[in-house]
Amino acid sequence: MRTKEGSTYIEKVLNVWAIVLILWSVYRVTFKTDLPLWFDELIAKPLIFLLPLNFFIKRVEKKNFFSSVSLKKKNIWKEVAIGLILGLTFFVAGAVGTFIKQNSFVFDINNLFRGKNLFYFGFIAVATSISEEILSRGFVLKRLYQQSRNIYTSSFFASVLFFFLHVPILFTSNQLTGSLLLQIVLSDLVLSLAVSFLFIRRKSLVAPIIVHALYTLSLYFFI
């Protein structure tokens, strides 16, 4: 009976995720990359990603939204520090990759950031990571792990779902083609597995959000 109830509950969780994917796909197919980046990440994505979750958590689970997705204030500065240390690994890897492509290791900050506004893209990256991590880790992965208690299978499955969440943007952007598309797909999977393990170990969404934000920031500047 416990297994049957558990599978039914997980099916409901995955149905919510599927609704988000459908809505996000419709949005992407309709608007592609025509709308400003800030609108996508600050308005459209939070509405599409978080409203269905909030409805499910409040109406079905009858729980507090923030605690239910592991957004905690406890030890927050420690979580921030861990996130910054791990996230900088992704960011530095992106910078090194850029230097290798340019066949030059001379540090030129203007050339490195290609004239882009660091604070603007940093703000966008944080907004992106909050929406995606709440859905992928705080909602989906947390419930998969609570049912299976297997860190590997739950992290792998959540990472596959994380990848499918990015399919609409990957295949509606004219800039992502060929080897670059493959590079993004592989790096997304690596990121997802890394932050999934981190989330399960830390039981907090703060560090994964920061790691994800620095990874996204590296994409804006170096890809």
N, C-alpha and C. Protein backbone atom coordinates (compact mmCIF):
# COMPACT_ATOMS: atom_id res chain seq x y z
N MET A 1 0.83 -1.20 0.00
CA MET A 1 0.00 0.00 0.00
C MET A 1 0.87 1.26 0.00
N ARG A 2 1.97 1.18 0.77
CA ARG A 2 2.83 2.34 0.84
C ARG A 2 3.45 2.66 -0.53
N THR A 3 3.85 1.62 -1.25
CA THR A 3 4.44 1.83 -2.58
C THR A 3 3.42 2.40 -3.55
N LYS A 4 2.20 1.87 -3.48
CA LYS A 4 1.15 2.34 -4.37
C LYS A 4 0.84 3.80 -4.10
N GLU A 5 0.73 4.15 -2.83
CA GLU A 5 0.45 5.55 -2.48
C GLU A 5 1.60 6.45 -2.91
N GLY A 6 2.83 5.93 -2.70
CA GLY A 6 4.00 6.72 -3.07
C GLY A 6 4.05 6.98 -4.56
N SER A 7 3.81 5.96 -5.36
CA SER A 7 3.86 6.14 -6.80
C SER A 7 2.78 7.10 -7.28
N THR A 8 1.59 7.04 -6.64
CA THR A 8 0.52 7.96 -7.01
C THR A 8 0.91 9.40 -6.71
N TYR A 9 1.55 9.60 -5.60
CA TYR A 9 1.98 10.94 -5.22
C TYR A 9 3.04 11.46 -6.19
N ILE A 10 4.01 10.62 -6.53
CA ILE A 10 5.05 11.01 -7.47
C ILE A 10 4.46 11.31 -8.84
N GLU A 11 3.46 10.55 -9.22
CA GLU A 11 2.79 10.83 -10.49
C GLU A 11 2.18 12.23 -10.48
N LYS A 12 1.63 12.64 -9.37
CA LYS A 12 1.05 13.98 -9.26
C LYS A 12 2.15 15.04 -9.36
N VAL A 13 3.28 14.77 -8.71
CA VAL A 13 4.41 15.69 -8.77
C VAL A 13 4.90 15.84 -10.21
N LEU A 14 5.04 14.71 -10.90
CA LEU A 14 5.52 14.74 -12.28
C LEU A 14 4.49 15.37 -13.21
N ASN A 15 3.22 15.23 -12.88
CA ASN A 15 2.18 15.90 -13.68
C ASN A 15 2.32 17.41 -13.59
N VAL A 16 2.65 17.91 -12.40
CA VAL A 16 2.86 19.35 -12.23
C VAL A 16 4.05 19.79 -13.07
N TRP A 17 5.14 19.00 -13.01
CA TRP A 17 6.32 19.30 -13.82
C TRP A 17 5.96 19.31 -15.31
N ALA A 18 5.15 18.34 -15.74
CA ALA A 18 4.75 18.26 -17.15
C ALA A 18 3.93 19.47 -17.57
N ILE A 19 3.08 19.95 -16.69
CA ILE A 19 2.29 21.15 -16.98
C ILE A 19 3.22 22.35 -17.19
N VAL A 20 4.23 22.46 -16.33
CA VAL A 20 5.20 23.55 -16.47
C VAL A 20 5.92 23.44 -17.81
N LEU A 21 6.36 22.23 -18.17
CA LEU A 21 7.07 22.03 -19.42
C LEU A 21 6.20 22.41 -20.62
N ILE A 22 4.95 22.01 -20.60
CA ILE A 22 4.03 22.32 -21.71
C ILE A 22 3.83 23.83 -21.83
N LEU A 23 3.59 24.49 -20.70
CA LEU A 23 3.39 25.95 -20.73
C LEU A 23 4.65 26.67 -21.21
N TRP A 24 5.81 26.21 -20.74
CA TRP A 24 7.07 26.82 -21.13
C TRP A 24 7.36 26.58 -22.62
N SER A 25 7.03 25.39 -23.11
CA SER A 25 7.23 25.08 -24.53
C SER A 25 6.34 25.95 -25.41
N VAL A 26 5.10 26.12 -25.01
CA VAL A 26 4.17 26.96 -25.77
C VAL A 26 4.68 28.40 -25.80
N TYR A 27 5.15 28.87 -24.66
CA TYR A 27 5.69 30.23 -24.59
C TYR A 27 6.89 30.40 -25.51
N ARG A 28 7.81 29.43 -25.48
CA ARG A 28 9.02 29.50 -26.29
C ARG A 28 8.71 29.39 -27.79
N VAL A 29 7.84 28.48 -28.16
CA VAL A 29 7.49 28.33 -29.56
C VAL A 29 6.80 29.60 -30.08
N THR A 30 6.00 30.21 -29.22
CA THR A 30 5.26 31.42 -29.61
C THR A 30 6.18 32.63 -29.76
N PHE A 31 7.04 32.84 -28.78
CA PHE A 31 7.85 34.06 -28.77
C PHE A 31 9.31 33.84 -29.15
N LYS A 32 9.76 32.56 -29.14
CA LYS A 32 11.15 32.22 -29.44
C LYS A 32 12.08 33.09 -28.59
N THR A 33 13.00 33.81 -29.22
CA THR A 33 13.89 34.70 -28.45
C THR A 33 13.61 36.16 -28.81
N ASP A 34 12.38 36.43 -29.22
CA ASP A 34 12.03 37.79 -29.67
C ASP A 34 11.88 38.78 -28.51
N LEU A 35 11.44 38.28 -27.35
CA LEU A 35 11.24 39.16 -26.20
C LEU A 35 12.55 39.39 -25.46
N PRO A 36 12.66 40.49 -24.71
CA PRO A 36 13.90 40.77 -23.98
C PRO A 36 14.22 39.67 -22.97
N LEU A 37 15.51 39.46 -22.75
CA LEU A 37 15.96 38.44 -21.80
C LEU A 37 15.39 38.69 -20.42
N TRP A 38 15.35 39.97 -20.01
CA TRP A 38 14.86 40.28 -18.66
C TRP A 38 13.39 39.89 -18.50
N PHE A 39 12.60 40.00 -19.57
CA PHE A 39 11.19 39.62 -19.49
C PHE A 39 11.06 38.10 -19.34
N ASP A 40 11.84 37.36 -20.10
CA ASP A 40 11.82 35.90 -20.00
C ASP A 40 12.13 35.44 -18.58
N GLU A 41 13.21 35.97 -18.03
CA GLU A 41 13.73 35.44 -16.77
C GLU A 41 13.11 36.06 -15.51
N LEU A 42 12.65 37.30 -15.60
CA LEU A 42 12.11 37.97 -14.42
C LEU A 42 10.59 37.91 -14.32
N ILE A 43 9.93 37.70 -15.44
CA ILE A 43 8.47 37.70 -15.44
C ILE A 43 7.89 36.37 -15.92
N ALA A 44 8.21 36.00 -17.17
CA ALA A 44 7.61 34.80 -17.75
C ALA A 44 7.98 33.52 -17.00
N LYS A 45 9.27 33.31 -16.77
CA LYS A 45 9.70 32.06 -16.15
C LYS A 45 9.20 31.91 -14.71
N PRO A 46 9.28 32.92 -13.85
CA PRO A 46 8.71 32.76 -12.50
C PRO A 46 7.22 32.45 -12.52
N LEU A 47 6.46 33.09 -13.40
CA LEU A 47 5.02 32.83 -13.48
C LEU A 47 4.75 31.40 -13.93
N ILE A 48 5.42 30.97 -14.98
CA ILE A 48 5.18 29.64 -15.55
C ILE A 48 5.73 28.54 -14.65
N PHE A 49 6.91 28.75 -14.08
CA PHE A 49 7.56 27.72 -13.27
C PHE A 49 6.98 27.61 -11.86
N LEU A 50 6.66 28.74 -11.26
CA LEU A 50 6.38 28.73 -9.82
C LEU A 50 4.90 28.73 -9.44
N LEU A 51 4.06 29.31 -10.26
CA LEU A 51 2.63 29.33 -9.90
C LEU A 51 2.02 27.94 -9.81
N PRO A 52 2.27 27.02 -10.77
CA PRO A 52 1.73 25.66 -10.63
C PRO A 52 2.26 24.95 -9.38
N LEU A 53 3.54 25.19 -9.05
CA LEU A 53 4.12 24.58 -7.86
C LEU A 53 3.44 25.10 -6.60
N ASN A 54 3.26 26.41 -6.54
CA ASN A 54 2.63 27.00 -5.38
C ASN A 54 1.21 26.47 -5.18
N PHE A 55 0.48 26.33 -6.28
CA PHE A 55 -0.88 25.79 -6.20
C PHE A 55 -0.87 24.37 -5.65
N PHE A 56 0.05 23.53 -6.16
CA PHE A 56 0.13 22.14 -5.72
C PHE A 56 0.52 22.03 -4.26
N ILE A 57 1.53 22.81 -3.87
CA ILE A 57 2.02 22.75 -2.49
C ILE A 57 0.95 23.23 -1.50
N LYS A 58 0.26 24.31 -1.85
CA LYS A 58 -0.75 24.87 -0.95
C LYS A 58 -2.03 24.02 -0.93
N ARG A 59 -2.50 23.57 -2.09
CA ARG A 59 -3.78 22.87 -2.18
C ARG A 59 -3.69 21.37 -1.94
N VAL A 60 -2.65 20.74 -2.44
CA VAL A 60 -2.52 19.28 -2.34
C VAL A 60 -1.71 18.87 -1.11
N GLU A 61 -0.50 19.43 -0.99
CA GLU A 61 0.36 19.07 0.14
C GLU A 61 -0.02 19.82 1.42
N LYS A 62 -0.65 20.98 1.24
CA LYS A 62 -1.07 21.83 2.37
C LYS A 62 0.14 22.17 3.26
N LYS A 63 1.19 22.65 2.62
CA LYS A 63 2.41 23.01 3.32
C LYS A 63 2.83 24.44 2.98
N ASN A 64 3.77 24.95 3.75
CA ASN A 64 4.36 26.25 3.46
C ASN A 64 5.25 26.15 2.23
N PHE A 65 5.13 27.07 1.31
CA PHE A 65 5.86 26.98 0.05
C PHE A 65 7.37 26.98 0.26
N PHE A 66 7.89 27.91 1.03
CA PHE A 66 9.34 28.07 1.16
C PHE A 66 9.99 26.87 1.84
N SER A 67 9.42 26.41 2.93
CA SER A 67 9.99 25.25 3.61
C SER A 67 9.83 23.99 2.77
N SER A 68 8.77 23.93 1.98
CA SER A 68 8.50 22.76 1.17
C SER A 68 9.51 22.60 0.03
N VAL A 69 10.11 23.70 -0.40
CA VAL A 69 11.13 23.62 -1.45
C VAL A 69 12.53 23.84 -0.89
N SER A 70 12.65 23.80 0.44
CA SER A 70 13.94 23.88 1.14
C SER A 70 14.66 25.21 0.97
N LEU A 71 13.89 26.29 0.91
CA LEU A 71 14.47 27.63 0.98
C LEU A 71 14.52 28.02 2.45
N LYS A 72 15.69 27.87 3.06
CA LYS A 72 15.83 28.03 4.50
C LYS A 72 16.79 29.17 4.85
N LYS A 73 16.52 29.81 5.99
CA LYS A 73 17.41 30.84 6.49
C LYS A 73 18.52 30.25 7.36
N LYS A 74 18.33 29.02 7.84
CA LYS A 74 19.29 28.40 8.74
C LYS A 74 20.64 28.22 8.05
N ASN A 75 21.71 28.67 8.74
CA ASN A 75 23.08 28.57 8.22
C ASN A 75 23.22 29.17 6.82
N ILE A 76 22.48 30.24 6.56
CA ILE A 76 22.43 30.77 5.20
C ILE A 76 23.78 31.27 4.72
N TRP A 77 24.57 31.88 5.58
CA TRP A 77 25.86 32.41 5.14
C TRP A 77 26.85 31.29 4.84
N LYS A 78 26.73 30.19 5.57
CA LYS A 78 27.56 29.03 5.26
C LYS A 78 27.18 28.45 3.91
N GLU A 79 25.88 28.40 3.64
CA GLU A 79 25.40 27.89 2.35
C GLU A 79 25.83 28.81 1.22
N VAL A 80 25.80 30.12 1.47
CA VAL A 80 26.24 31.09 0.47
C VAL A 80 27.72 30.88 0.15
N ALA A 81 28.53 30.69 1.20
CA ALA A 81 29.97 30.49 1.00
C ALA A 81 30.25 29.23 0.19
N ILE A 82 29.55 28.14 0.52
CA ILE A 82 29.72 26.88 -0.21
C ILE A 82 29.32 27.07 -1.68
N GLY A 83 28.19 27.74 -1.89
CA GLY A 83 27.73 27.98 -3.25
C GLY A 83 28.71 28.81 -4.06
N LEU A 84 29.29 29.84 -3.44
CA LEU A 84 30.25 30.69 -4.14
C LEU A 84 31.51 29.93 -4.51
N ILE A 85 32.00 29.13 -3.58
CA ILE A 85 33.23 28.36 -3.85
C ILE A 85 33.02 27.38 -5.00
N LEU A 86 31.94 26.61 -4.95
CA LEU A 86 31.67 25.63 -6.00
C LEU A 86 31.27 26.30 -7.31
N GLY A 87 30.47 27.37 -7.20
CA GLY A 87 30.02 28.05 -8.40
C GLY A 87 31.16 28.71 -9.16
N LEU A 88 32.14 29.23 -8.44
CA LEU A 88 33.28 29.85 -9.10
C LEU A 88 34.07 28.85 -9.94
N THR A 89 33.97 27.57 -9.58
CA THR A 89 34.63 26.53 -10.38
C THR A 89 34.08 26.52 -11.80
N PHE A 90 32.74 26.59 -11.91
CA PHE A 90 32.11 26.63 -13.24
C PHE A 90 32.49 27.92 -13.97
N PHE A 91 32.48 29.03 -13.23
CA PHE A 91 32.77 30.32 -13.86
C PHE A 91 34.20 30.37 -14.37
N VAL A 92 35.14 29.92 -13.56
CA VAL A 92 36.55 29.93 -13.96
C VAL A 92 36.77 28.98 -15.13
N ALA A 93 36.07 27.84 -15.12
CA ALA A 93 36.20 26.89 -16.23
C ALA A 93 35.75 27.54 -17.54
N GLY A 94 34.69 28.34 -17.46
CA GLY A 94 34.23 29.07 -18.64
C GLY A 94 35.25 30.09 -19.12
N ALA A 95 35.87 30.78 -18.18
CA ALA A 95 36.88 31.78 -18.53
C ALA A 95 38.10 31.13 -19.17
N VAL A 96 38.54 30.02 -18.61
CA VAL A 96 39.69 29.29 -19.17
C VAL A 96 39.38 28.81 -20.58
N GLY A 97 38.15 28.31 -20.76
CA GLY A 97 37.74 27.86 -22.09
C GLY A 97 37.79 28.99 -23.11
N THR A 98 37.40 30.19 -22.68
CA THR A 98 37.43 31.35 -23.56
C THR A 98 38.86 31.72 -23.94
N PHE A 99 39.76 31.70 -22.95
CA PHE A 99 41.16 32.01 -23.23
C PHE A 99 41.76 31.01 -24.21
N ILE A 100 41.40 29.73 -24.03
CA ILE A 100 41.93 28.69 -24.93
C ILE A 100 41.44 28.91 -26.35
N LYS A 101 40.14 29.25 -26.51
CA LYS A 101 39.59 29.51 -27.84
C LYS A 101 40.28 30.70 -28.50
N GLN A 102 40.60 31.72 -27.67
CA GLN A 102 41.25 32.92 -28.20
C GLN A 102 42.75 32.73 -28.37
N ASN A 103 43.23 31.55 -27.90
CA ASN A 103 44.66 31.24 -27.99
C ASN A 103 45.52 32.30 -27.31
N SER A 104 44.97 32.81 -26.18
CA SER A 104 45.69 33.84 -25.45
C SER A 104 45.33 33.76 -23.97
N PHE A 105 46.33 33.85 -23.11
CA PHE A 105 46.09 33.83 -21.67
C PHE A 105 46.41 35.19 -21.05
N VAL A 106 46.38 36.23 -21.88
CA VAL A 106 46.54 37.60 -21.39
C VAL A 106 45.22 38.07 -20.83
N PHE A 107 45.18 38.47 -19.57
CA PHE A 107 43.92 38.84 -18.93
C PHE A 107 43.50 40.24 -19.34
N ASP A 108 42.40 40.32 -20.05
CA ASP A 108 41.81 41.59 -20.48
C ASP A 108 40.33 41.54 -20.11
N ILE A 109 39.96 42.23 -19.04
CA ILE A 109 38.59 42.09 -18.53
C ILE A 109 37.55 42.55 -19.53
N ASN A 110 37.87 43.57 -20.33
CA ASN A 110 36.90 44.03 -21.34
C ASN A 110 36.70 42.99 -22.42
N ASN A 111 37.79 42.36 -22.83
CA ASN A 111 37.70 41.31 -23.84
C ASN A 111 37.03 40.07 -23.26
N LEU A 112 37.33 39.78 -21.99
CA LEU A 112 36.79 38.60 -21.32
C LEU A 112 35.27 38.67 -21.25
N PHE A 113 34.73 39.81 -20.85
CA PHE A 113 33.28 39.95 -20.70
C PHE A 113 32.60 40.47 -21.97
N ARG A 114 33.41 40.72 -23.02
CA ARG A 114 32.88 41.10 -24.32
C ARG A 114 31.96 42.33 -24.24
N GLY A 115 32.30 43.25 -23.33
CA GLY A 115 31.56 44.49 -23.23
C GLY A 115 30.20 44.36 -22.57
N LYS A 116 29.89 43.21 -21.99
CA LYS A 116 28.58 43.00 -21.38
C LYS A 116 28.54 43.54 -19.96
N ASN A 117 27.36 43.92 -19.52
CA ASN A 117 27.16 44.48 -18.18
C ASN A 117 27.13 43.36 -17.15
N LEU A 118 28.16 43.32 -16.31
CA LEU A 118 28.29 42.25 -15.32
C LEU A 118 27.12 42.23 -14.35
N PHE A 119 26.70 43.40 -13.87
CA PHE A 119 25.64 43.47 -12.87
C PHE A 119 24.28 43.09 -13.45
N TYR A 120 24.02 43.52 -14.67
CA TYR A 120 22.75 43.17 -15.32
C TYR A 120 22.64 41.67 -15.52
N PHE A 121 23.67 41.08 -16.10
CA PHE A 121 23.62 39.64 -16.37
C PHE A 121 23.72 38.83 -15.07
N GLY A 122 24.39 39.38 -14.07
CA GLY A 122 24.43 38.70 -12.77
C GLY A 122 23.06 38.63 -12.14
N PHE A 123 22.31 39.73 -12.23
CA PHE A 123 20.95 39.77 -11.70
C PHE A 123 20.05 38.80 -12.45
N ILE A 124 20.17 38.76 -13.78
CA ILE A 124 19.39 37.84 -14.59
C ILE A 124 19.73 36.39 -14.24
N ALA A 125 21.02 36.11 -14.06
CA ALA A 125 21.47 34.75 -13.75
C ALA A 125 20.89 34.27 -12.42
N VAL A 126 20.85 35.15 -11.42
CA VAL A 126 20.28 34.78 -10.12
C VAL A 126 18.79 34.49 -10.26
N ALA A 127 18.08 35.34 -10.99
CA ALA A 127 16.64 35.14 -11.21
C ALA A 127 16.38 33.82 -11.91
N THR A 128 17.18 33.52 -12.93
CA THR A 128 17.05 32.26 -13.66
C THR A 128 17.24 31.06 -12.75
N SER A 129 18.31 31.11 -11.96
CA SER A 129 18.64 29.97 -11.11
C SER A 129 17.59 29.76 -10.01
N ILE A 130 17.00 30.83 -9.51
CA ILE A 130 15.98 30.69 -8.47
C ILE A 130 14.78 29.92 -9.00
N SER A 131 14.26 30.32 -10.16
CA SER A 131 13.10 29.64 -10.74
C SER A 131 13.40 28.19 -11.08
N GLU A 132 14.54 27.95 -11.73
CA GLU A 132 14.87 26.60 -12.18
C GLU A 132 15.22 25.68 -11.02
N GLU A 133 15.91 26.19 -10.01
CA GLU A 133 16.28 25.35 -8.88
C GLU A 133 15.09 25.03 -7.98
N ILE A 134 14.18 25.97 -7.82
CA ILE A 134 12.97 25.67 -7.04
C ILE A 134 12.19 24.55 -7.70
N LEU A 135 12.05 24.61 -9.02
CA LEU A 135 11.32 23.56 -9.72
C LEU A 135 12.09 22.25 -9.76
N SER A 136 13.34 22.29 -10.20
CA SER A 136 14.08 21.06 -10.47
C SER A 136 14.63 20.38 -9.22
N ARG A 137 15.11 21.16 -8.27
CA ARG A 137 15.67 20.56 -7.06
C ARG A 137 14.70 20.64 -5.88
N GLY A 138 14.23 21.85 -5.55
CA GLY A 138 13.38 22.01 -4.37
C GLY A 138 12.05 21.29 -4.48
N PHE A 139 11.53 21.16 -5.69
CA PHE A 139 10.23 20.50 -5.88
C PHE A 139 10.40 19.06 -6.35
N VAL A 140 10.95 18.87 -7.54
CA VAL A 140 11.01 17.53 -8.14
C VAL A 140 12.00 16.62 -7.41
N LEU A 141 13.28 17.02 -7.35
CA LEU A 141 14.30 16.15 -6.76
C LEU A 141 14.00 15.83 -5.30
N LYS A 142 13.58 16.81 -4.54
CA LYS A 142 13.31 16.59 -3.12
C LYS A 142 12.28 15.49 -2.94
N ARG A 143 11.24 15.48 -3.73
CA ARG A 143 10.16 14.51 -3.60
C ARG A 143 10.56 13.15 -4.15
N LEU A 144 11.36 13.15 -5.21
CA LEU A 144 11.87 11.87 -5.73
C LEU A 144 12.77 11.20 -4.69
N TYR A 145 13.62 11.99 -4.06
CA TYR A 145 14.53 11.42 -3.06
C TYR A 145 13.79 10.97 -1.80
N GLN A 146 12.79 11.73 -1.41
CA GLN A 146 12.01 11.34 -0.23
C GLN A 146 11.31 10.00 -0.43
N GLN A 147 10.92 9.72 -1.68
CA GLN A 147 10.24 8.45 -1.97
C GLN A 147 11.23 7.30 -2.15
N SER A 148 12.33 7.54 -2.84
CA SER A 148 13.26 6.44 -3.17
C SER A 148 14.39 6.27 -2.16
N ARG A 149 14.80 7.37 -1.53
CA ARG A 149 15.96 7.41 -0.63
C ARG A 149 17.24 6.97 -1.34
N ASN A 150 17.26 7.09 -2.67
CA ASN A 150 18.44 6.73 -3.45
C ASN A 150 18.96 7.99 -4.14
N ILE A 151 20.12 8.46 -3.69
CA ILE A 151 20.65 9.72 -4.17
C ILE A 151 21.01 9.66 -5.65
N TYR A 152 21.43 8.48 -6.12
CA TYR A 152 21.90 8.37 -7.50
C TYR A 152 20.75 8.33 -8.50
N THR A 153 19.77 7.48 -8.25
CA THR A 153 18.66 7.38 -9.20
C THR A 153 17.81 8.65 -9.21
N SER A 154 17.56 9.21 -8.02
CA SER A 154 16.75 10.42 -7.95
C SER A 154 17.47 11.60 -8.59
N SER A 155 18.79 11.71 -8.39
CA SER A 155 19.56 12.80 -8.99
C SER A 155 19.63 12.65 -10.51
N PHE A 156 19.81 11.41 -10.97
CA PHE A 156 19.87 11.17 -12.42
C PHE A 156 18.54 11.51 -13.08
N PHE A 157 17.44 11.03 -12.49
CA PHE A 157 16.13 11.27 -13.08
C PHE A 157 15.81 12.76 -13.08
N ALA A 158 16.11 13.44 -11.97
CA ALA A 158 15.86 14.88 -11.88
C ALA A 158 16.70 15.64 -12.91
N SER A 159 17.92 15.15 -13.17
CA SER A 159 18.80 15.80 -14.15
C SER A 159 18.27 15.63 -15.57
N VAL A 160 17.70 14.46 -15.86
CA VAL A 160 17.09 14.24 -17.17
C VAL A 160 15.92 15.20 -17.36
N LEU A 161 15.10 15.36 -16.32
CA LEU A 161 13.98 16.30 -16.39
C LEU A 161 14.48 17.73 -16.55
N PHE A 162 15.57 18.03 -15.87
CA PHE A 162 16.18 19.37 -15.99
C PHE A 162 16.60 19.64 -17.42
N PHE A 163 17.17 18.61 -18.07
CA PHE A 163 17.56 18.76 -19.47
C PHE A 163 16.35 19.04 -20.36
N PHE A 164 15.29 18.26 -20.19
CA PHE A 164 14.10 18.44 -21.02
C PHE A 164 13.47 19.82 -20.80
N LEU A 165 13.68 20.37 -19.61
CA LEU A 165 13.17 21.70 -19.34
C LEU A 165 13.86 22.74 -20.22
N HIS A 166 15.07 22.43 -20.66
CA HIS A 166 15.83 23.37 -21.49
C HIS A 166 15.68 23.11 -22.98
N VAL A 167 15.03 22.04 -23.35
CA VAL A 167 14.85 21.73 -24.76
C VAL A 167 14.15 22.85 -25.53
N PRO A 168 13.08 23.45 -24.98
CA PRO A 168 12.41 24.54 -25.73
C PRO A 168 13.32 25.69 -26.11
N ILE A 169 14.22 26.12 -25.20
CA ILE A 169 15.11 27.23 -25.54
C ILE A 169 16.26 26.76 -26.42
N LEU A 170 16.73 25.53 -26.23
CA LEU A 170 17.84 25.02 -27.03
C LEU A 170 17.47 24.93 -28.51
N PHE A 171 16.22 24.57 -28.77
CA PHE A 171 15.82 24.34 -30.15
C PHE A 171 14.96 25.47 -30.74
N THR A 172 14.86 26.58 -30.01
CA THR A 172 14.19 27.76 -30.59
C THR A 172 15.14 28.94 -30.69
N SER A 173 16.42 28.70 -30.38
CA SER A 173 17.42 29.75 -30.48
C SER A 173 18.29 29.50 -31.70
N ASN A 174 18.41 30.50 -32.56
CA ASN A 174 19.23 30.37 -33.77
C ASN A 174 20.72 30.38 -33.46
N GLN A 175 21.09 30.81 -32.25
CA GLN A 175 22.50 30.92 -31.89
C GLN A 175 23.08 29.60 -31.41
N LEU A 176 22.22 28.67 -31.00
CA LEU A 176 22.69 27.41 -30.45
C LEU A 176 22.58 26.32 -31.51
N THR A 177 23.69 26.02 -32.16
CA THR A 177 23.70 25.00 -33.20
C THR A 177 25.00 24.19 -33.12
N GLY A 178 24.99 23.02 -33.74
CA GLY A 178 26.19 22.21 -33.88
C GLY A 178 26.88 21.87 -32.58
N SER A 179 28.21 22.06 -32.55
CA SER A 179 29.02 21.70 -31.39
C SER A 179 28.66 22.53 -30.16
N LEU A 180 28.24 23.77 -30.39
CA LEU A 180 27.84 24.63 -29.27
C LEU A 180 26.62 24.06 -28.56
N LEU A 181 25.67 23.55 -29.33
CA LEU A 181 24.48 22.93 -28.75
C LEU A 181 24.86 21.72 -27.91
N LEU A 182 25.76 20.89 -28.43
CA LEU A 182 26.21 19.71 -27.69
C LEU A 182 26.94 20.12 -26.42
N GLN A 183 27.75 21.16 -26.51
CA GLN A 183 28.48 21.66 -25.35
C GLN A 183 27.53 22.12 -24.25
N ILE A 184 26.47 22.83 -24.62
CA ILE A 184 25.49 23.30 -23.64
C ILE A 184 24.76 22.14 -23.01
N VAL A 185 24.37 21.15 -23.82
CA VAL A 185 23.64 19.98 -23.31
C VAL A 185 24.47 19.24 -22.27
N LEU A 186 25.73 18.97 -22.60
CA LEU A 186 26.60 18.23 -21.69
C LEU A 186 26.89 19.02 -20.41
N SER A 187 27.14 20.31 -20.55
CA SER A 187 27.44 21.12 -19.37
C SER A 187 26.21 21.26 -18.48
N ASP A 188 25.02 21.32 -19.08
CA ASP A 188 23.78 21.38 -18.29
C ASP A 188 23.60 20.11 -17.46
N LEU A 189 23.90 18.97 -18.07
CA LEU A 189 23.77 17.70 -17.35
C LEU A 189 24.78 17.60 -16.20
N VAL A 190 26.01 18.06 -16.46
CA VAL A 190 27.03 18.05 -15.41
C VAL A 190 26.61 18.96 -14.26
N LEU A 191 26.15 20.16 -14.61
CA LEU A 191 25.67 21.09 -13.58
C LEU A 191 24.55 20.47 -12.76
N SER A 192 23.58 19.88 -13.44
CA SER A 192 22.40 19.34 -12.76
C SER A 192 22.78 18.24 -11.79
N LEU A 193 23.65 17.33 -12.22
CA LEU A 193 24.08 16.25 -11.32
C LEU A 193 24.83 16.82 -10.12
N ALA A 194 25.70 17.81 -10.36
CA ALA A 194 26.48 18.40 -9.27
C ALA A 194 25.59 19.07 -8.24
N VAL A 195 24.66 19.91 -8.68
CA VAL A 195 23.80 20.62 -7.72
C VAL A 195 22.76 19.69 -7.10
N SER A 196 22.43 18.60 -7.79
CA SER A 196 21.51 17.62 -7.21
C SER A 196 22.15 16.94 -6.00
N PHE A 197 23.39 16.48 -6.17
CA PHE A 197 24.11 15.87 -5.04
C PHE A 197 24.28 16.89 -3.92
N LEU A 198 24.62 18.12 -4.29
CA LEU A 198 24.81 19.18 -3.30
C LEU A 198 23.52 19.44 -2.53
N PHE A 199 22.40 19.51 -3.23
CA PHE A 199 21.12 19.77 -2.59
C PHE A 199 20.75 18.67 -1.60
N ILE A 200 20.92 17.43 -2.00
CA ILE A 200 20.55 16.32 -1.12
C ILE A 200 21.46 16.29 0.12
N ARG A 201 22.73 16.57 -0.07
CA ARG A 201 23.67 16.56 1.05
C ARG A 201 23.43 17.74 2.01
N ARG A 202 23.17 18.94 1.45
CA ARG A 202 23.03 20.13 2.27
C ARG A 202 21.62 20.34 2.80
N LYS A 203 20.61 19.72 2.09
CA LYS A 203 19.20 19.88 2.47
C LYS A 203 18.76 21.34 2.47
N SER A 204 19.38 22.11 1.59
CA SER A 204 19.05 23.53 1.44
C SER A 204 19.21 23.90 -0.02
N LEU A 205 18.39 24.83 -0.49
CA LEU A 205 18.42 25.23 -1.90
C LEU A 205 19.34 26.43 -2.13
N VAL A 206 19.87 27.01 -1.07
CA VAL A 206 20.66 28.24 -1.21
C VAL A 206 21.94 28.01 -2.02
N ALA A 207 22.75 27.04 -1.62
CA ALA A 207 24.00 26.77 -2.34
C ALA A 207 23.77 26.37 -3.79
N PRO A 208 22.81 25.46 -4.09
CA PRO A 208 22.54 25.14 -5.50
C PRO A 208 22.15 26.34 -6.34
N ILE A 209 21.38 27.26 -5.76
CA ILE A 209 20.98 28.47 -6.50
C ILE A 209 22.21 29.29 -6.89
N ILE A 210 23.14 29.45 -5.97
CA ILE A 210 24.32 30.26 -6.24
C ILE A 210 25.23 29.58 -7.26
N VAL A 211 25.40 28.26 -7.13
CA VAL A 211 26.21 27.51 -8.10
C VAL A 211 25.60 27.65 -9.49
N HIS A 212 24.30 27.47 -9.57
CA HIS A 212 23.57 27.56 -10.84
C HIS A 212 23.69 28.97 -11.43
N ALA A 213 23.60 29.99 -10.57
CA ALA A 213 23.69 31.38 -11.04
C ALA A 213 25.05 31.67 -11.65
N LEU A 214 26.11 31.21 -11.02
CA LEU A 214 27.46 31.45 -11.54
C LEU A 214 27.70 30.66 -12.83
N TYR A 215 27.12 29.48 -12.91
CA TYR A 215 27.20 28.70 -14.16
C TYR A 215 26.49 29.45 -15.28
N THR A 216 25.28 29.94 -15.01
CA THR A 216 24.52 30.69 -16.02
C THR A 216 25.25 31.95 -16.43
N LEU A 217 25.85 32.62 -15.46
CA LEU A 217 26.64 33.84 -15.75
C LEU A 217 27.80 33.51 -16.69
N SER A 218 28.42 32.36 -16.48
CA SER A 218 29.52 31.96 -17.36
C SER A 218 29.04 31.74 -18.79
N LEU A 219 27.82 31.23 -18.94
CA LEU A 219 27.25 31.04 -20.29
C LEU A 219 27.05 32.38 -20.98
N TYR A 220 26.52 33.36 -20.25
CA TYR A 220 26.27 34.67 -20.83
C TYR A 220 27.56 35.32 -21.35
N PHE A 221 28.66 35.11 -20.61
CA PHE A 221 29.90 35.78 -20.96
C PHE A 221 30.81 34.98 -21.89
N PHE A 222 30.81 33.65 -21.72
CA PHE A 222 31.85 32.86 -22.37
C PHE A 222 31.37 31.95 -23.50
N ILE A 223 30.04 31.79 -23.66
CA ILE A 223 29.55 30.89 -24.71
C ILE A 223 29.09 31.71 -25.92
